[in-house]
Amino acid sequence: MQKLDILTIVGIVLGAGLVIFGILEQAEIGAFINVSGLMIVVGGSTGAMLINFQLDQAKQVLKVLKQVVFEKVQDLASLRQQFVDLAQKARREGLLALEDDLETIDDPFLRNGLQMVIDGFEPDSIRDIMETEIQTLEKRHQLGQNMFRTWGNLSPAFGMVGTLIGLVQMLGQLEDPDAIGPGMAVALLTTFYGMLMANLLFNPIAGKLAIRSELEVARKEAIVDALLALQAGVNPRILQEKLKAYLSPQEREEAEEKKESREEAGASEEAMA
């Protein structure tokens, strides 16, 4: 399940809004708009980024941007409870009985792992296969991060290129005072554009992707540990405590509150009976 990442949108709007507000406090916004400078920074950095990567990798830019705006929900508390239910069923009816639950699992990684458990794969084989998949996932995520990190490094560089172009134009027309202004505008504004794009967009996007990758990898590692514990016939209570280590302090508190609520509800039903 995915949800809109409001924080990313708020960050971009807030950052850009405050920069524009700071500009308007001292001058008109038109003084900071230079089409030539934008073309140098945006066009140059984009072209260099495309040279740096292969075609099939460059095509992933839009897909990666979608991952920045839409966050995949990593609900470890629900995953923990799901494994406890599976462990309880496995203790009652055996691992083969879990085959009926495969169709209800949306996560392909979890479904494939559970299928291997049901099929009787060796624990070492299951861990090796699933950890290889995790490593492949990390490499794909690193590619997206590297693309935007590279873009963030190139933007200020092309800002400096624009600065040099503007200075050359300005120095070549010192005898014409009217030409000095436009040349100086290109020189200064391209550096401004490059720094703004790198530090408000590209580098923060790379950082966000890195955090998302860490969360997804942590969830998949929890799944591997839980599946192997399930295969080994670990007590559901022990499995529950084992997976508790993957929860954040807030998720642990919420899980304890839900547990207390279930216990109170169960006690009420027993009292009424």
C-alpha atoms as a PDB file:
ATOM      1  CA  MET A   1       0.000   0.000   0.000  1.00  0.00           C
ATOM      2  CA  GLN A   2       1.220   3.492  -0.857  1.00  0.00           C
ATOM      3  CA  LYS A   3       0.341   6.886   0.549  1.00  0.00           C
ATOM      4  CA  LEU A   4       1.145  10.431  -0.503  1.00  0.00           C
ATOM      5  CA  ASP A   5       4.300  11.713   1.209  1.00  0.00           C
ATOM      6  CA  ILE A   6       3.100  15.128   2.368  1.00  0.00           C
ATOM      7  CA  LEU A   7       6.469  15.959   3.955  1.00  0.00           C
ATOM      8  CA  THR A   8       8.272  15.909   0.593  1.00  0.00           C
ATOM      9  CA  ILE A   9       5.733  18.251  -0.987  1.00  0.00           C
ATOM     10  CA  VAL A  10       5.686  20.536   2.061  1.00  0.00           C
ATOM     11  CA  GLY A  11       9.491  20.664   2.078  1.00  0.00           C
ATOM     12  CA  ILE A  12       9.726  21.665  -1.584  1.00  0.00           C
ATOM     13  CA  VAL A  13       6.923  24.230  -1.332  1.00  0.00           C
ATOM     14  CA  LEU A  14       8.262  25.669   1.929  1.00  0.00           C
ATOM     15  CA  GLY A  15      11.847  25.880   0.677  1.00  0.00           C
ATOM     16  CA  ALA A  16      10.914  27.427  -2.672  1.00  0.00           C
ATOM     17  CA  GLY A  17       8.354  29.705  -1.026  1.00  0.00           C
ATOM     18  CA  LEU A  18      10.814  31.126   1.498  1.00  0.00           C
ATOM     19  CA  VAL A  19      13.439  31.688  -1.214  1.00  0.00           C
ATOM     20  CA  ILE A  20      10.881  33.574  -3.317  1.00  0.00           C
ATOM     21  CA  PHE A  21       9.755  35.533  -0.252  1.00  0.00           C
ATOM     22  CA  GLY A  22      13.361  36.485   0.474  1.00  0.00           C
ATOM     23  CA  ILE A  23      13.756  37.656  -3.112  1.00  0.00           C
ATOM     24  CA  LEU A  24      10.582  39.742  -3.037  1.00  0.00           C
ATOM     25  CA  GLU A  25      11.705  41.432   0.183  1.00  0.00           C
ATOM     26  CA  GLN A  26      14.664  42.967  -1.643  1.00  0.00           C
ATOM     27  CA  ALA A  27      13.792  43.018  -5.351  1.00  0.00           C
ATOM     28  CA  GLU A  28      11.312  41.990  -8.021  1.00  0.00           C
ATOM     29  CA  ILE A  29      11.058  38.311  -8.949  1.00  0.00           C
ATOM     30  CA  GLY A  30      11.718  39.219 -12.585  1.00  0.00           C
ATOM     31  CA  ALA A  31      15.281  40.172 -11.708  1.00  0.00           C
ATOM     32  CA  PHE A  32      15.952  36.530 -10.789  1.00  0.00           C
ATOM     33  CA  ILE A  33      14.517  35.019 -13.955  1.00  0.00           C
ATOM     34  CA  ASN A  34      17.020  34.390 -16.718  1.00  0.00           C
ATOM     35  CA  VAL A  35      16.061  31.929 -19.434  1.00  0.00           C
ATOM     36  CA  SER A  36      19.630  31.536 -20.710  1.00  0.00           C
ATOM     37  CA  GLY A  37      20.873  30.677 -17.235  1.00  0.00           C
ATOM     38  CA  LEU A  38      18.120  28.105 -16.718  1.00  0.00           C
ATOM     39  CA  MET A  39      18.874  26.498 -20.074  1.00  0.00           C
ATOM     40  CA  ILE A  40      22.570  26.223 -19.206  1.00  0.00           C
ATOM     41  CA  VAL A  41      21.985  24.658 -15.780  1.00  0.00           C
ATOM     42  CA  VAL A  42      18.952  22.473 -16.497  1.00  0.00           C
ATOM     43  CA  GLY A  43      19.981  21.449 -19.989  1.00  0.00           C
ATOM     44  CA  GLY A  44      23.655  20.993 -19.213  1.00  0.00           C
ATOM     45  CA  SER A  45      23.185  19.004 -16.004  1.00  0.00           C
ATOM     46  CA  THR A  46      20.474  16.832 -17.564  1.00  0.00           C
ATOM     47  CA  GLY A  47      22.607  16.115 -20.617  1.00  0.00           C
ATOM     48  CA  ALA A  48      25.622  15.227 -18.487  1.00  0.00           C
ATOM     49  CA  MET A  49      23.479  12.997 -16.285  1.00  0.00           C
ATOM     50  CA  LEU A  50      22.191  11.146 -19.345  1.00  0.00           C
ATOM     51  CA  ILE A  51      25.769  10.643 -20.557  1.00  0.00           C
ATOM     52  CA  ASN A  52      26.722   9.254 -17.147  1.00  0.00           C
ATOM     53  CA  PHE A  53      24.044   6.508 -17.189  1.00  0.00           C
ATOM     54  CA  GLN A  54      22.729   3.961 -19.653  1.00  0.00           C
ATOM     55  CA  LEU A  55      19.423   4.392 -21.471  1.00  0.00           C
ATOM     56  CA  ASP A  56      17.482   1.811 -19.471  1.00  0.00           C
ATOM     57  CA  GLN A  57      18.805   3.371 -16.250  1.00  0.00           C
ATOM     58  CA  ALA A  58      17.881   6.916 -17.286  1.00  0.00           C
ATOM     59  CA  LYS A  59      14.324   5.742 -18.002  1.00  0.00           C
ATOM     60  CA  GLN A  60      13.938   4.988 -14.289  1.00  0.00           C
ATOM     61  CA  VAL A  61      13.979   8.708 -13.353  1.00  0.00           C
ATOM     62  CA  LEU A  62      10.200   9.172 -13.514  1.00  0.00           C
ATOM     63  CA  LYS A  63       9.609   5.900 -11.689  1.00  0.00           C
ATOM     64  CA  VAL A  64      12.019   6.941  -8.948  1.00  0.00           C
ATOM     65  CA  LEU A  65      10.342  10.350  -8.661  1.00  0.00           C
ATOM     66  CA  LYS A  66       7.043   8.572  -8.057  1.00  0.00           C
ATOM     67  CA  GLN A  67       8.663   6.698  -5.167  1.00  0.00           C
ATOM     68  CA  VAL A  68       9.678  10.038  -3.652  1.00  0.00           C
ATOM     69  CA  VAL A  69       6.167  11.497  -3.799  1.00  0.00           C
ATOM     70  CA  PHE A  70       4.351   8.281  -2.856  1.00  0.00           C
ATOM     71  CA  GLU A  71       5.572   6.395   0.194  1.00  0.00           C
ATOM     72  CA  LYS A  72       5.238   2.623   0.501  1.00  0.00           C
ATOM     73  CA  VAL A  73       3.772   1.908   3.934  1.00  0.00           C
ATOM     74  CA  GLN A  74       6.118  -0.309   5.992  1.00  0.00           C
ATOM     75  CA  ASP A  75       3.656  -1.540   8.646  1.00  0.00           C
ATOM     76  CA  LEU A  76       5.890  -3.789  10.746  1.00  0.00           C
ATOM     77  CA  ALA A  77       3.325  -4.026  13.542  1.00  0.00           C
ATOM     78  CA  SER A  78       0.768  -5.622  11.201  1.00  0.00           C
ATOM     79  CA  LEU A  79       3.485  -7.865   9.749  1.00  0.00           C
ATOM     80  CA  ARG A  80       4.378  -8.984  13.271  1.00  0.00           C
ATOM     81  CA  GLN A  81       0.791  -9.891  14.067  1.00  0.00           C
ATOM     82  CA  GLN A  82       0.444 -11.676  10.723  1.00  0.00           C
ATOM     83  CA  PHE A  83       3.390 -13.935  11.550  1.00  0.00           C
ATOM     84  CA  VAL A  84       2.053 -14.635  15.032  1.00  0.00           C
ATOM     85  CA  ASP A  85      -1.227 -15.792  13.471  1.00  0.00           C
ATOM     86  CA  LEU A  86       0.671 -17.954  10.968  1.00  0.00           C
ATOM     87  CA  ALA A  87       2.797 -19.470  13.739  1.00  0.00           C
ATOM     88  CA  GLN A  88      -0.275 -20.315  15.804  1.00  0.00           C
ATOM     89  CA  LYS A  89      -1.930 -21.974  12.818  1.00  0.00           C
ATOM     90  CA  ALA A  90       1.267 -23.890  11.972  1.00  0.00           C
ATOM     91  CA  ARG A  91       1.485 -25.270  15.526  1.00  0.00           C
ATOM     92  CA  ARG A  92      -2.126 -26.426  15.398  1.00  0.00           C
ATOM     93  CA  GLU A  93      -2.342 -27.779  11.843  1.00  0.00           C
ATOM     94  CA  GLY A  94       1.214 -28.000  10.500  1.00  0.00           C
ATOM     95  CA  LEU A  95       3.128 -25.964   7.924  1.00  0.00           C
ATOM     96  CA  LEU A  96       1.212 -27.421   4.979  1.00  0.00           C
ATOM     97  CA  ALA A  97      -1.960 -25.802   6.309  1.00  0.00           C
ATOM     98  CA  LEU A  98      -0.405 -22.382   5.599  1.00  0.00           C
ATOM     99  CA  GLU A  99      -0.821 -22.963   1.871  1.00  0.00           C
ATOM    100  CA  ASP A 100      -4.376 -21.666   2.187  1.00  0.00           C
ATOM    101  CA  ASP A 101      -2.985 -18.309   3.376  1.00  0.00           C
ATOM    102  CA  LEU A 102      -0.766 -17.728   0.341  1.00  0.00           C
ATOM    103  CA  GLU A 103      -3.566 -16.189  -1.734  1.00  0.00           C
ATOM    104  CA  THR A 104      -4.308 -13.617   0.992  1.00  0.00           C
ATOM    105  CA  ILE A 105      -0.699 -12.302   1.072  1.00  0.00           C
ATOM    106  CA  ASP A 106      -0.109  -9.295  -1.182  1.00  0.00           C
ATOM    107  CA  ASP A 107       3.646  -8.985  -0.632  1.00  0.00           C
ATOM    108  CA  PRO A 108       5.420 -11.118  -3.317  1.00  0.00           C
ATOM    109  CA  PHE A 109       8.577 -11.354  -1.194  1.00  0.00           C
ATOM    110  CA  LEU A 110       6.678 -12.751   1.789  1.00  0.00           C
ATOM    111  CA  ARG A 111       4.510 -15.000  -0.389  1.00  0.00           C
ATOM    112  CA  ASN A 112       7.519 -16.542  -2.167  1.00  0.00           C
ATOM    113  CA  GLY A 113       9.325 -17.060   1.114  1.00  0.00           C
ATOM    114  CA  LEU A 114       6.329 -18.721   2.723  1.00  0.00           C
ATOM    115  CA  GLN A 115       5.955 -20.966  -0.325  1.00  0.00           C
ATOM    116  CA  MET A 116       9.546 -22.132   0.120  1.00  0.00           C
ATOM    117  CA  VAL A 117       8.858 -22.875   3.797  1.00  0.00           C
ATOM    118  CA  ILE A 118       5.782 -24.899   2.878  1.00  0.00           C
ATOM    119  CA  ASP A 119       7.710 -26.753   0.151  1.00  0.00           C
ATOM    120  CA  GLY A 120      10.312 -27.814   2.714  1.00  0.00           C
ATOM    121  CA  PHE A 121      13.356 -25.912   1.449  1.00  0.00           C
ATOM    122  CA  GLU A 122      16.421 -26.075   3.671  1.00  0.00           C
ATOM    123  CA  PRO A 123      16.742 -23.036   6.003  1.00  0.00           C
ATOM    124  CA  ASP A 124      20.146 -22.114   4.538  1.00  0.00           C
ATOM    125  CA  SER A 125      18.707 -22.208   1.021  1.00  0.00           C
ATOM    126  CA  ILE A 126      15.779 -19.995   2.005  1.00  0.00           C
ATOM    127  CA  ARG A 127      18.072 -17.448   3.653  1.00  0.00           C
ATOM    128  CA  ASP A 128      20.478 -17.477   0.713  1.00  0.00           C
ATOM    129  CA  ILE A 129      17.725 -16.979  -1.887  1.00  0.00           C
ATOM    130  CA  MET A 130      15.945 -14.237   0.024  1.00  0.00           C
ATOM    131  CA  GLU A 131      19.108 -12.378   1.014  1.00  0.00           C
ATOM    132  CA  THR A 132      20.222 -12.426  -2.619  1.00  0.00           C
ATOM    133  CA  GLU A 133      16.911 -10.800  -3.533  1.00  0.00           C
ATOM    134  CA  ILE A 134      17.442  -8.168  -0.819  1.00  0.00           C
ATOM    135  CA  GLN A 135      20.927  -7.396  -2.140  1.00  0.00           C
ATOM    136  CA  THR A 136      19.542  -7.017  -5.662  1.00  0.00           C
ATOM    137  CA  LEU A 137      16.873  -4.665  -4.316  1.00  0.00           C
ATOM    138  CA  GLU A 138      19.521  -2.544  -2.573  1.00  0.00           C
ATOM    139  CA  LYS A 139      21.503  -2.258  -5.811  1.00  0.00           C
ATOM    140  CA  ARG A 140      18.398  -1.065  -7.680  1.00  0.00           C
ATOM    141  CA  HIS A 141      17.715   1.484  -4.959  1.00  0.00           C
ATOM    142  CA  GLN A 142      21.334   2.664  -5.005  1.00  0.00           C
ATOM    143  CA  LEU A 143      21.024   3.299  -8.738  1.00  0.00           C
ATOM    144  CA  GLY A 144      18.139   5.733  -8.159  1.00  0.00           C
ATOM    145  CA  GLN A 145      20.027   7.431  -5.340  1.00  0.00           C
ATOM    146  CA  ASN A 146      23.181   7.722  -7.462  1.00  0.00           C
ATOM    147  CA  MET A 147      21.246   9.258 -10.351  1.00  0.00           C
ATOM    148  CA  PHE A 148      19.910  12.118  -8.252  1.00  0.00           C
ATOM    149  CA  ARG A 149      23.145  12.482  -6.286  1.00  0.00           C
ATOM    150  CA  THR A 150      25.016  12.783  -9.585  1.00  0.00           C
ATOM    151  CA  TRP A 151      22.446  15.300 -10.822  1.00  0.00           C
ATOM    152  CA  GLY A 152      22.949  17.246  -7.591  1.00  0.00           C
ATOM    153  CA  ASN A 153      26.719  17.307  -8.149  1.00  0.00           C
ATOM    154  CA  LEU A 154      26.390  18.378 -11.776  1.00  0.00           C
ATOM    155  CA  SER A 155      23.955  21.260 -11.249  1.00  0.00           C
ATOM    156  CA  PRO A 156      26.354  23.558  -9.328  1.00  0.00           C
ATOM    157  CA  ALA A 157      29.100  22.648 -11.803  1.00  0.00           C
ATOM    158  CA  PHE A 158      26.983  23.861 -14.720  1.00  0.00           C
ATOM    159  CA  GLY A 159      26.071  26.882 -12.622  1.00  0.00           C
ATOM    160  CA  MET A 160      29.792  27.700 -12.656  1.00  0.00           C
ATOM    161  CA  VAL A 161      29.880  27.057 -16.407  1.00  0.00           C
ATOM    162  CA  GLY A 162      27.122  29.630 -16.806  1.00  0.00           C
ATOM    163  CA  THR A 163      29.061  32.015 -14.587  1.00  0.00           C
ATOM    164  CA  LEU A 164      32.118  31.722 -16.821  1.00  0.00           C
ATOM    165  CA  ILE A 165      29.995  32.251 -19.937  1.00  0.00           C
ATOM    166  CA  GLY A 166      28.464  35.368 -18.414  1.00  0.00           C
ATOM    167  CA  LEU A 167      31.858  36.735 -17.405  1.00  0.00           C
ATOM    168  CA  VAL A 168      33.265  36.141 -20.898  1.00  0.00           C
ATOM    169  CA  GLN A 169      30.271  37.966 -22.410  1.00  0.00           C
ATOM    170  CA  MET A 170      30.668  40.798 -19.949  1.00  0.00           C
ATOM    171  CA  LEU A 171      34.440  41.201 -20.400  1.00  0.00           C
ATOM    172  CA  GLY A 172      34.110  41.050 -24.179  1.00  0.00           C
ATOM    173  CA  GLN A 173      31.770  44.054 -24.193  1.00  0.00           C
ATOM    174  CA  LEU A 174      33.211  46.360 -21.558  1.00  0.00           C
ATOM    175  CA  GLU A 175      33.023  49.236 -24.023  1.00  0.00           C
ATOM    176  CA  ASP A 176      29.225  48.825 -24.110  1.00  0.00           C
ATOM    177  CA  PRO A 177      27.782  49.563 -20.639  1.00  0.00           C
ATOM    178  CA  ASP A 178      24.343  48.258 -21.691  1.00  0.00           C
ATOM    179  CA  ALA A 179      25.771  44.765 -22.299  1.00  0.00           C
ATOM    180  CA  ILE A 180      27.454  44.456 -18.927  1.00  0.00           C
ATOM    181  CA  GLY A 181      24.188  43.964 -17.037  1.00  0.00           C
ATOM    182  CA  PRO A 182      22.873  40.941 -18.990  1.00  0.00           C
ATOM    183  CA  GLY A 183      26.295  39.286 -18.872  1.00  0.00           C
ATOM    184  CA  MET A 184      26.540  39.771 -15.119  1.00  0.00           C
ATOM    185  CA  ALA A 185      22.978  38.424 -14.684  1.00  0.00           C
ATOM    186  CA  VAL A 186      23.854  35.201 -16.483  1.00  0.00           C
ATOM    187  CA  ALA A 187      27.076  34.930 -14.486  1.00  0.00           C
ATOM    188  CA  LEU A 188      25.412  35.211 -11.095  1.00  0.00           C
ATOM    189  CA  LEU A 189      22.008  33.635 -11.710  1.00  0.00           C
ATOM    190  CA  THR A 190      23.343  30.382 -13.175  1.00  0.00           C
ATOM    191  CA  THR A 191      25.296  29.759  -9.971  1.00  0.00           C
ATOM    192  CA  PHE A 192      22.134  30.538  -8.008  1.00  0.00           C
ATOM    193  CA  TYR A 193      20.052  28.128 -10.111  1.00  0.00           C
ATOM    194  CA  GLY A 194      22.627  25.348  -9.830  1.00  0.00           C
ATOM    195  CA  MET A 195      22.944  25.623  -6.053  1.00  0.00           C
ATOM    196  CA  LEU A 196      19.171  25.846  -5.572  1.00  0.00           C
ATOM    197  CA  MET A 197      18.419  22.805  -7.732  1.00  0.00           C
ATOM    198  CA  ALA A 198      21.131  20.719  -6.079  1.00  0.00           C
ATOM    199  CA  ASN A 199      20.297  21.569  -2.471  1.00  0.00           C
ATOM    200  CA  LEU A 200      16.518  21.916  -2.635  1.00  0.00           C
ATOM    201  CA  LEU A 201      15.727  19.096  -5.056  1.00  0.00           C
ATOM    202  CA  PHE A 202      18.325  16.582  -6.177  1.00  0.00           C
ATOM    203  CA  ASN A 203      20.405  15.941  -3.042  1.00  0.00           C
ATOM    204  CA  PRO A 204      17.353  15.836  -0.717  1.00  0.00           C
ATOM    205  CA  ILE A 205      15.629  13.421  -3.121  1.00  0.00           C
ATOM    206  CA  ALA A 206      18.701  11.156  -3.022  1.00  0.00           C
ATOM    207  CA  GLY A 207      18.611  11.289   0.788  1.00  0.00           C
ATOM    208  CA  LYS A 208      14.913  10.463   0.891  1.00  0.00           C
ATOM    209  CA  LEU A 209      15.442   7.476  -1.409  1.00  0.00           C
ATOM    210  CA  ALA A 210      18.230   6.207   0.867  1.00  0.00           C
ATOM    211  CA  ILE A 211      15.942   6.359   3.921  1.00  0.00           C
ATOM    212  CA  ARG A 212      13.130   4.596   2.044  1.00  0.00           C
ATOM    213  CA  SER A 213      15.563   1.879   0.981  1.00  0.00           C
ATOM    214  CA  GLU A 214      16.745   1.295   4.553  1.00  0.00           C
ATOM    215  CA  LEU A 215      13.154   0.930   5.768  1.00  0.00           C
ATOM    216  CA  GLU A 216      12.231  -1.535   3.034  1.00  0.00           C
ATOM    217  CA  VAL A 217      15.386  -3.597   3.570  1.00  0.00           C
ATOM    218  CA  ALA A 218      14.704  -3.721   7.335  1.00  0.00           C
ATOM    219  CA  ARG A 219      11.192  -5.013   6.652  1.00  0.00           C
ATOM    220  CA  LYS A 220      12.452  -7.720   4.310  1.00  0.00           C
ATOM    221  CA  GLU A 221      15.130  -8.777   6.803  1.00  0.00           C
ATOM    222  CA  ALA A 222      12.401  -9.094   9.431  1.00  0.00           C
ATOM    223  CA  ILE A 223      10.435 -11.303   7.035  1.00  0.00           C
ATOM    224  CA  VAL A 224      13.442 -13.598   6.491  1.00  0.00           C
ATOM    225  CA  ASP A 225      14.025 -14.007  10.231  1.00  0.00           C
ATOM    226  CA  ALA A 226      10.333 -14.605  10.868  1.00  0.00           C
ATOM    227  CA  LEU A 227      10.008 -17.199   8.107  1.00  0.00           C
ATOM    228  CA  LEU A 228      12.974 -19.192   9.384  1.00  0.00           C
ATOM    229  CA  ALA A 229      11.598 -19.030  12.920  1.00  0.00           C
ATOM    230  CA  LEU A 230       8.232 -20.173  11.601  1.00  0.00           C
ATOM    231  CA  GLN A 231       9.860 -23.092   9.805  1.00  0.00           C
ATOM    232  CA  ALA A 232      11.750 -24.049  12.965  1.00  0.00           C
ATOM    233  CA  GLY A 233       8.487 -24.240  14.906  1.00  0.00           C
ATOM    234  CA  VAL A 234       9.316 -21.394  17.286  1.00  0.00           C
ATOM    235  CA  ASN A 235       6.655 -20.635  19.872  1.00  0.00           C
ATOM    236  CA  PRO A 236       4.357 -17.828  18.605  1.00  0.00           C
ATOM    237  CA  ARG A 237       5.040 -15.843  21.771  1.00  0.00           C
ATOM    238  CA  ILE A 238       8.808 -16.051  21.201  1.00  0.00           C
ATOM    239  CA  LEU A 239       8.330 -15.109  17.544  1.00  0.00           C
ATOM    240  CA  GLN A 240       6.281 -12.109  18.624  1.00  0.00           C
ATOM    241  CA  GLU A 241       9.067 -10.924  20.926  1.00  0.00           C
ATOM    242  CA  LYS A 242      11.697 -11.607  18.241  1.00  0.00           C
ATOM    243  CA  LEU A 243       9.931  -9.363  15.736  1.00  0.00           C
ATOM    244  CA  LYS A 244       9.461  -6.704  18.396  1.00  0.00           C
ATOM    245  CA  ALA A 245      13.136  -5.800  17.910  1.00  0.00           C
ATOM    246  CA  TYR A 246      12.300  -4.450  14.433  1.00  0.00           C
ATOM    247  CA  LEU A 247       9.639  -2.045  15.711  1.00  0.00           C
ATOM    248  CA  SER A 248      10.320   1.595  16.464  1.00  0.00           C
ATOM    249  CA  PRO A 249       9.554   2.819  20.032  1.00  0.00           C
ATOM    250  CA  GLN A 250       6.311   4.388  18.794  1.00  0.00           C
ATOM    251  CA  GLU A 251       5.257   1.187  17.018  1.00  0.00           C
ATOM    252  CA  ARG A 252       6.023  -0.801  20.166  1.00  0.00           C
ATOM    253  CA  GLU A 253       3.784   1.461  22.246  1.00  0.00           C
ATOM    254  CA  GLU A 254       0.970   1.187  19.695  1.00  0.00           C
ATOM    255  CA  ALA A 255       1.371  -2.611  19.606  1.00  0.00           C
ATOM    256  CA  GLU A 256       1.188  -2.799  23.406  1.00  0.00           C
ATOM    257  CA  GLU A 257      -1.936  -0.629  23.422  1.00  0.00           C
ATOM    258  CA  LYS A 258      -3.599  -2.872  20.828  1.00  0.00           C
ATOM    259  CA  LYS A 259      -2.594  -5.952  22.834  1.00  0.00           C
ATOM    260  CA  GLU A 260      -4.097  -4.501  26.017  1.00  0.00           C
ATOM    261  CA  SER A 261      -7.276  -3.609  24.133  1.00  0.00           C
ATOM    262  CA  ARG A 262      -7.588  -7.170  22.807  1.00  0.00           C
ATOM    263  CA  GLU A 263      -7.004  -8.612  26.272  1.00  0.00           C
ATOM    264  CA  GLU A 264      -9.610  -6.314  27.799  1.00  0.00           C
ATOM    265  CA  ALA A 265     -12.087  -7.223  25.050  1.00  0.00           C
ATOM    266  CA  GLY A 266     -11.426 -10.924  25.650  1.00  0.00           C
ATOM    267  CA  ALA A 267     -11.885 -10.517  29.397  1.00  0.00           C
ATOM    268  CA  SER A 268     -15.182  -8.701  28.855  1.00  0.00           C
ATOM    269  CA  GLU A 269     -16.468 -11.456  26.577  1.00  0.00           C
ATOM    270  CA  GLU A 270     -15.534 -14.102  29.154  1.00  0.00           C
ATOM    271  CA  ALA A 271     -17.281 -12.132  31.908  1.00  0.00           C
ATOM    272  CA  MET A 272     -20.438 -11.793  29.814  1.00  0.00           C
ATOM    273  CA  ALA A 273     -20.351 -15.526  29.061  1.00  0.00           C
END
